[in-house]
Amino acid sequence: MHEFPIRVYYEDTDMAGIVYHANYLKFIERARSDWVRSKGVDQTQLKEDEGLVFVVRKIDADYFKPAKFDEELTVETRAVQVTGARLVMEQIVKRDNELLFQAMVTVVCANEAGQAARLPQNLRLMLH
């Protein structure tokens, strides 16, 4: 499991001072990028060398409790399934040990034409 710290800034909140719902998607995107980097995958190099990028295919999200301005949160990311064509991750956002948000995210590889492509074997092993 990978942990990524997030601080809630004023720009992340709505008029009520709570995190705007779409910003949780930004938080988990940052955490996914950091998780991939921590696994040794250089996404810029992957695009330059093999013409492949990661594309979000599906997100199933649940919102449980609100986060507020200036709170410190943690995004936890773990791989649930890695196949030849896709990567499924569970991502949760917590404040201390309190669950605020949970998502199952399916990511696929795409080539320069935007078509689905198989995850290279070495990537599957790195991301598992």
N, C-alpha and C. Protein backbone atom coordinates (compact mmCIF):
# COMPACT_ATOMS: atom_id res chain seq x y z
N MET A 1 0.84 -1.18 0.00
CA MET A 1 0.00 0.00 0.00
C MET A 1 0.89 1.25 0.00
N HIS A 2 0.49 2.21 -0.79
CA HIS A 2 1.21 3.48 -0.92
C HIS A 2 0.42 4.57 -0.21
N GLU A 3 1.10 5.42 0.54
CA GLU A 3 0.46 6.53 1.22
C GLU A 3 0.96 7.85 0.66
N PHE A 4 0.03 8.78 0.44
CA PHE A 4 0.35 10.08 -0.13
C PHE A 4 -0.35 11.16 0.70
N PRO A 5 0.43 12.09 1.29
CA PRO A 5 -0.20 13.14 2.10
C PRO A 5 -0.77 14.27 1.26
N ILE A 6 -1.89 14.79 1.72
CA ILE A 6 -2.57 15.91 1.06
C ILE A 6 -2.95 16.91 2.15
N ARG A 7 -2.74 18.18 1.88
CA ARG A 7 -3.28 19.23 2.75
C ARG A 7 -4.41 19.91 1.98
N VAL A 8 -5.52 20.18 2.65
CA VAL A 8 -6.65 20.83 2.02
C VAL A 8 -6.39 22.34 2.01
N TYR A 9 -6.36 22.91 0.83
CA TYR A 9 -6.18 24.35 0.67
C TYR A 9 -7.53 25.01 0.40
N TYR A 10 -7.56 26.31 0.57
CA TYR A 10 -8.79 27.08 0.37
C TYR A 10 -9.38 26.81 -1.01
N GLU A 11 -8.53 26.72 -2.03
CA GLU A 11 -9.01 26.49 -3.39
C GLU A 11 -9.69 25.14 -3.58
N ASP A 12 -9.48 24.22 -2.63
CA ASP A 12 -10.09 22.89 -2.71
C ASP A 12 -11.51 22.86 -2.16
N THR A 13 -11.93 23.95 -1.53
CA THR A 13 -13.20 23.94 -0.81
C THR A 13 -14.29 24.72 -1.54
N ASP A 14 -15.52 24.46 -1.12
CA ASP A 14 -16.67 25.19 -1.65
C ASP A 14 -17.05 26.30 -0.68
N MET A 15 -18.18 26.92 -0.90
CA MET A 15 -18.60 28.04 -0.05
C MET A 15 -18.84 27.63 1.40
N ALA A 16 -19.10 26.36 1.63
CA ALA A 16 -19.32 25.88 2.99
C ALA A 16 -18.01 25.54 3.70
N GLY A 17 -16.88 25.65 2.98
CA GLY A 17 -15.58 25.35 3.58
C GLY A 17 -15.24 23.88 3.60
N ILE A 18 -15.99 23.07 2.83
CA ILE A 18 -15.67 21.65 2.75
C ILE A 18 -15.11 21.35 1.35
N VAL A 19 -14.37 20.27 1.25
CA VAL A 19 -13.75 19.91 -0.02
C VAL A 19 -14.84 19.66 -1.06
N TYR A 20 -14.73 20.36 -2.18
CA TYR A 20 -15.64 20.18 -3.31
C TYR A 20 -15.46 18.75 -3.84
N HIS A 21 -16.56 18.08 -4.14
CA HIS A 21 -16.54 16.65 -4.46
C HIS A 21 -15.56 16.29 -5.58
N ALA A 22 -15.45 17.10 -6.61
CA ALA A 22 -14.57 16.77 -7.74
C ALA A 22 -13.09 16.81 -7.35
N ASN A 23 -12.77 17.52 -6.30
CA ASN A 23 -11.36 17.63 -5.90
C ASN A 23 -10.82 16.33 -5.32
N TYR A 24 -11.69 15.46 -4.85
CA TYR A 24 -11.22 14.14 -4.41
C TYR A 24 -10.60 13.40 -5.60
N LEU A 25 -11.15 13.60 -6.79
CA LEU A 25 -10.58 12.96 -7.99
C LEU A 25 -9.18 13.50 -8.27
N LYS A 26 -8.97 14.80 -8.02
CA LYS A 26 -7.63 15.37 -8.17
C LYS A 26 -6.68 14.77 -7.14
N PHE A 27 -7.15 14.64 -5.92
CA PHE A 27 -6.31 14.08 -4.86
C PHE A 27 -5.86 12.66 -5.21
N ILE A 28 -6.81 11.84 -5.66
CA ILE A 28 -6.43 10.45 -5.96
C ILE A 28 -5.58 10.36 -7.22
N GLU A 29 -5.76 11.30 -8.16
CA GLU A 29 -4.90 11.33 -9.36
C GLU A 29 -3.46 11.59 -8.96
N ARG A 30 -3.25 12.58 -8.10
CA ARG A 30 -1.89 12.88 -7.63
C ARG A 30 -1.28 11.66 -6.94
N ALA A 31 -2.08 11.00 -6.12
CA ALA A 31 -1.59 9.83 -5.40
C ALA A 31 -1.26 8.69 -6.36
N ARG A 32 -2.08 8.49 -7.40
CA ARG A 32 -1.78 7.44 -8.39
C ARG A 32 -0.47 7.73 -9.11
N SER A 33 -0.28 8.98 -9.51
CA SER A 33 0.97 9.36 -10.19
C SER A 33 2.17 9.11 -9.29
N ASP A 34 2.04 9.46 -8.02
CA ASP A 34 3.14 9.25 -7.08
C ASP A 34 3.37 7.76 -6.85
N TRP A 35 2.29 6.97 -6.77
CA TRP A 35 2.40 5.53 -6.59
C TRP A 35 3.14 4.89 -7.77
N VAL A 36 2.75 5.27 -9.00
CA VAL A 36 3.40 4.73 -10.20
C VAL A 36 4.89 5.10 -10.19
N ARG A 37 5.20 6.35 -9.85
CA ARG A 37 6.59 6.79 -9.78
C ARG A 37 7.37 5.98 -8.73
N SER A 38 6.73 5.73 -7.57
CA SER A 38 7.39 4.97 -6.51
C SER A 38 7.67 3.53 -6.92
N LYS A 39 6.93 3.03 -7.90
CA LYS A 39 7.14 1.68 -8.42
C LYS A 39 8.24 1.64 -9.48
N GLY A 40 8.81 2.80 -9.79
CA GLY A 40 9.90 2.85 -10.78
C GLY A 40 9.45 3.08 -12.20
N VAL A 41 8.20 3.48 -12.39
CA VAL A 41 7.69 3.73 -13.74
C VAL A 41 7.78 5.22 -14.04
N ASP A 42 8.52 5.55 -15.09
CA ASP A 42 8.64 6.94 -15.54
C ASP A 42 7.64 7.13 -16.68
N GLN A 43 6.52 7.79 -16.38
CA GLN A 43 5.45 7.91 -17.37
C GLN A 43 5.86 8.74 -18.59
N THR A 44 6.71 9.73 -18.39
CA THR A 44 7.20 10.52 -19.53
C THR A 44 8.05 9.64 -20.44
N GLN A 45 8.92 8.85 -19.87
CA GLN A 45 9.77 7.94 -20.64
C GLN A 45 8.92 6.88 -21.34
N LEU A 46 7.89 6.39 -20.66
CA LEU A 46 7.00 5.39 -21.26
C LEU A 46 6.34 5.96 -22.52
N LYS A 47 5.92 7.21 -22.45
CA LYS A 47 5.29 7.85 -23.60
C LYS A 47 6.31 8.06 -24.72
N GLU A 48 7.50 8.53 -24.37
CA GLU A 48 8.53 8.79 -25.39
C GLU A 48 9.05 7.52 -26.03
N ASP A 49 9.31 6.49 -25.22
CA ASP A 49 9.91 5.25 -25.73
C ASP A 49 8.92 4.31 -26.40
N GLU A 50 7.72 4.17 -25.81
CA GLU A 50 6.79 3.16 -26.31
C GLU A 50 5.48 3.75 -26.81
N GLY A 51 5.31 5.07 -26.67
CA GLY A 51 4.08 5.71 -27.13
C GLY A 51 2.86 5.33 -26.33
N LEU A 52 3.06 4.97 -25.05
CA LEU A 52 1.97 4.51 -24.20
C LEU A 52 1.71 5.49 -23.06
N VAL A 53 0.43 5.67 -22.74
CA VAL A 53 0.03 6.48 -21.59
C VAL A 53 -1.05 5.73 -20.82
N PHE A 54 -1.21 6.08 -19.55
CA PHE A 54 -2.27 5.52 -18.74
C PHE A 54 -3.51 6.39 -18.88
N VAL A 55 -4.68 5.74 -19.02
CA VAL A 55 -5.94 6.45 -19.18
C VAL A 55 -6.95 5.86 -18.19
N VAL A 56 -7.63 6.73 -17.46
CA VAL A 56 -8.68 6.25 -16.56
C VAL A 56 -9.86 5.78 -17.39
N ARG A 57 -10.29 4.57 -17.14
CA ARG A 57 -11.41 3.95 -17.87
C ARG A 57 -12.70 4.02 -17.06
N LYS A 58 -12.54 3.86 -15.72
CA LYS A 58 -13.73 3.81 -14.87
C LYS A 58 -13.35 4.19 -13.44
N ILE A 59 -14.26 4.93 -12.81
CA ILE A 59 -14.12 5.24 -11.39
C ILE A 59 -15.46 4.99 -10.71
N ASP A 60 -15.42 4.18 -9.67
CA ASP A 60 -16.59 3.94 -8.84
C ASP A 60 -16.27 4.54 -7.48
N ALA A 61 -16.94 5.64 -7.13
CA ALA A 61 -16.55 6.40 -5.94
C ALA A 61 -17.68 6.50 -4.92
N ASP A 62 -17.28 6.50 -3.64
CA ASP A 62 -18.21 6.70 -2.53
C ASP A 62 -17.65 7.80 -1.63
N TYR A 63 -18.53 8.72 -1.27
CA TYR A 63 -18.18 9.82 -0.36
C TYR A 63 -18.83 9.53 0.99
N PHE A 64 -18.02 9.52 2.03
CA PHE A 64 -18.54 9.17 3.35
C PHE A 64 -18.66 10.36 4.31
N LYS A 65 -17.59 11.13 4.42
CA LYS A 65 -17.58 12.28 5.33
C LYS A 65 -16.81 13.41 4.67
N PRO A 66 -17.14 14.66 5.01
CA PRO A 66 -16.44 15.78 4.38
C PRO A 66 -15.08 16.08 5.01
N ALA A 67 -14.18 16.56 4.18
CA ALA A 67 -12.90 17.11 4.65
C ALA A 67 -13.04 18.62 4.58
N LYS A 68 -12.27 19.31 5.41
CA LYS A 68 -12.40 20.76 5.51
C LYS A 68 -11.06 21.45 5.32
N PHE A 69 -11.14 22.74 5.10
CA PHE A 69 -9.97 23.58 4.90
C PHE A 69 -8.89 23.33 5.95
N ASP A 70 -7.66 23.22 5.47
CA ASP A 70 -6.43 23.09 6.26
C ASP A 70 -6.24 21.75 6.94
N GLU A 71 -7.12 20.79 6.66
CA GLU A 71 -6.92 19.47 7.25
C GLU A 71 -5.83 18.71 6.50
N GLU A 72 -5.19 17.81 7.23
CA GLU A 72 -4.19 16.92 6.63
C GLU A 72 -4.86 15.59 6.37
N LEU A 73 -4.78 15.15 5.11
CA LEU A 73 -5.40 13.90 4.69
C LEU A 73 -4.32 12.96 4.18
N THR A 74 -4.67 11.70 4.06
CA THR A 74 -3.78 10.71 3.47
C THR A 74 -4.57 9.94 2.42
N VAL A 75 -3.96 9.79 1.24
CA VAL A 75 -4.55 8.96 0.19
C VAL A 75 -3.78 7.65 0.17
N GLU A 76 -4.48 6.55 0.34
CA GLU A 76 -3.87 5.22 0.27
C GLU A 76 -4.24 4.59 -1.06
N THR A 77 -3.24 4.01 -1.72
CA THR A 77 -3.44 3.38 -3.02
C THR A 77 -2.89 1.96 -2.98
N ARG A 78 -3.67 1.03 -3.48
CA ARG A 78 -3.17 -0.34 -3.60
C ARG A 78 -3.73 -0.98 -4.86
N ALA A 79 -2.91 -1.79 -5.50
CA ALA A 79 -3.34 -2.52 -6.68
C ALA A 79 -4.26 -3.66 -6.25
N VAL A 80 -5.38 -3.78 -6.92
CA VAL A 80 -6.33 -4.86 -6.66
C VAL A 80 -6.20 -5.92 -7.73
N GLN A 81 -5.99 -5.48 -8.99
CA GLN A 81 -5.88 -6.41 -10.11
C GLN A 81 -5.00 -5.80 -11.19
N VAL A 82 -4.06 -6.59 -11.67
CA VAL A 82 -3.20 -6.18 -12.79
C VAL A 82 -3.30 -7.27 -13.84
N THR A 83 -3.84 -6.93 -15.01
CA THR A 83 -3.97 -7.90 -16.10
C THR A 83 -3.19 -7.38 -17.30
N GLY A 84 -3.29 -8.09 -18.39
CA GLY A 84 -2.60 -7.66 -19.60
C GLY A 84 -3.11 -6.35 -20.16
N ALA A 85 -4.34 -6.01 -19.84
CA ALA A 85 -4.94 -4.82 -20.44
C ALA A 85 -5.33 -3.73 -19.45
N ARG A 86 -5.40 -4.07 -18.17
CA ARG A 86 -5.85 -3.04 -17.24
C ARG A 86 -5.24 -3.19 -15.85
N LEU A 87 -5.39 -2.11 -15.11
CA LEU A 87 -4.91 -2.02 -13.74
C LEU A 87 -6.07 -1.48 -12.91
N VAL A 88 -6.47 -2.22 -11.88
CA VAL A 88 -7.54 -1.79 -11.00
C VAL A 88 -6.93 -1.49 -9.64
N MET A 89 -7.24 -0.29 -9.12
CA MET A 89 -6.70 0.14 -7.84
C MET A 89 -7.82 0.56 -6.91
N GLU A 90 -7.61 0.30 -5.63
CA GLU A 90 -8.47 0.87 -4.61
C GLU A 90 -7.74 2.08 -4.06
N GLN A 91 -8.45 3.19 -3.94
CA GLN A 91 -7.87 4.39 -3.36
C GLN A 91 -8.83 4.92 -2.30
N ILE A 92 -8.28 5.19 -1.14
CA ILE A 92 -9.09 5.75 -0.06
C ILE A 92 -8.45 7.03 0.45
N VAL A 93 -9.29 7.94 0.88
CA VAL A 93 -8.83 9.18 1.48
C VAL A 93 -9.25 9.14 2.94
N LYS A 94 -8.27 9.37 3.83
CA LYS A 94 -8.52 9.33 5.26
C LYS A 94 -8.07 10.63 5.92
N ARG A 95 -8.72 10.92 7.02
CA ARG A 95 -8.26 11.95 7.95
C ARG A 95 -7.95 11.17 9.22
N ASP A 96 -6.67 11.09 9.57
CA ASP A 96 -6.22 10.18 10.62
C ASP A 96 -6.68 8.77 10.22
N ASN A 97 -7.49 8.11 11.00
CA ASN A 97 -7.97 6.77 10.64
C ASN A 97 -9.42 6.78 10.18
N GLU A 98 -9.97 7.97 9.94
CA GLU A 98 -11.36 8.12 9.57
C GLU A 98 -11.52 8.10 8.04
N LEU A 99 -12.32 7.18 7.53
CA LEU A 99 -12.55 7.04 6.08
C LEU A 99 -13.47 8.16 5.60
N LEU A 100 -12.97 8.94 4.60
CA LEU A 100 -13.75 10.03 4.03
C LEU A 100 -14.27 9.71 2.63
N PHE A 101 -13.45 9.00 1.85
CA PHE A 101 -13.73 8.79 0.43
C PHE A 101 -13.08 7.48 0.01
N GLN A 102 -13.75 6.74 -0.87
CA GLN A 102 -13.19 5.49 -1.38
C GLN A 102 -13.53 5.36 -2.85
N ALA A 103 -12.57 4.90 -3.65
CA ALA A 103 -12.81 4.71 -5.08
C ALA A 103 -12.11 3.47 -5.58
N MET A 104 -12.77 2.80 -6.52
CA MET A 104 -12.14 1.74 -7.30
C MET A 104 -11.89 2.36 -8.67
N VAL A 105 -10.63 2.38 -9.07
CA VAL A 105 -10.23 3.06 -10.30
C VAL A 105 -9.66 2.03 -11.27
N THR A 106 -10.20 2.00 -12.49
CA THR A 106 -9.68 1.13 -13.54
C THR A 106 -8.93 1.99 -14.54
N VAL A 107 -7.67 1.62 -14.76
CA VAL A 107 -6.79 2.34 -15.68
C VAL A 107 -6.36 1.37 -16.77
N VAL A 108 -6.32 1.88 -18.01
CA VAL A 108 -5.82 1.09 -19.13
C VAL A 108 -4.68 1.83 -19.80
N CYS A 109 -3.94 1.12 -20.60
CA CYS A 109 -2.88 1.73 -21.42
C CYS A 109 -3.49 2.11 -22.76
N ALA A 110 -3.04 3.24 -23.28
CA ALA A 110 -3.48 3.66 -24.62
C ALA A 110 -2.26 4.05 -25.43
N ASN A 111 -2.34 3.82 -26.75
CA ASN A 111 -1.24 4.21 -27.63
C ASN A 111 -1.48 5.65 -28.11
N GLU A 112 -0.59 6.12 -28.98
CA GLU A 112 -0.66 7.51 -29.44
C GLU A 112 -1.94 7.81 -30.23
N ALA A 113 -2.57 6.78 -30.79
CA ALA A 113 -3.82 6.97 -31.52
C ALA A 113 -5.04 6.95 -30.59
N GLY A 114 -4.79 6.74 -29.28
CA GLY A 114 -5.87 6.69 -28.32
C GLY A 114 -6.55 5.35 -28.20
N GLN A 115 -5.96 4.34 -28.84
CA GLN A 115 -6.53 3.00 -28.80
C GLN A 115 -5.96 2.23 -27.60
N ALA A 116 -6.77 1.36 -27.05
CA ALA A 116 -6.31 0.52 -25.94
C ALA A 116 -5.12 -0.32 -26.38
N ALA A 117 -4.17 -0.48 -25.47
CA ALA A 117 -2.97 -1.27 -25.74
C ALA A 117 -2.68 -2.13 -24.51
N ARG A 118 -2.01 -3.25 -24.75
CA ARG A 118 -1.64 -4.12 -23.63
C ARG A 118 -0.59 -3.45 -22.76
N LEU A 119 -0.69 -3.69 -21.46
CA LEU A 119 0.36 -3.24 -20.55
C LEU A 119 1.59 -4.10 -20.81
N PRO A 120 2.74 -3.50 -21.04
CA PRO A 120 3.95 -4.30 -21.22
C PRO A 120 4.21 -5.18 -20.00
N GLN A 121 4.72 -6.37 -20.24
CA GLN A 121 4.96 -7.35 -19.18
C GLN A 121 5.77 -6.76 -18.02
N ASN A 122 6.82 -5.99 -18.34
CA ASN A 122 7.65 -5.43 -17.27
C ASN A 122 6.85 -4.45 -16.40
N LEU A 123 5.90 -3.73 -17.01
CA LEU A 123 5.04 -2.82 -16.24
C LEU A 123 4.09 -3.59 -15.34
N ARG A 124 3.53 -4.66 -15.87
CA ARG A 124 2.62 -5.47 -15.05
C ARG A 124 3.33 -5.97 -13.80
N LEU A 125 4.57 -6.40 -13.97
CA LEU A 125 5.34 -6.90 -12.82
C LEU A 125 5.68 -5.78 -11.84
N MET A 126 6.01 -4.60 -12.37
CA MET A 126 6.36 -3.48 -11.52
C MET A 126 5.16 -2.98 -10.72
N LEU A 127 3.98 -2.99 -11.32
CA LEU A 127 2.80 -2.41 -10.70
C LEU A 127 2.03 -3.36 -9.79
N HIS A 128 2.35 -4.63 -9.87
CA HIS A 128 1.61 -5.62 -9.07
C HIS A 128 1.94 -5.50 -7.63
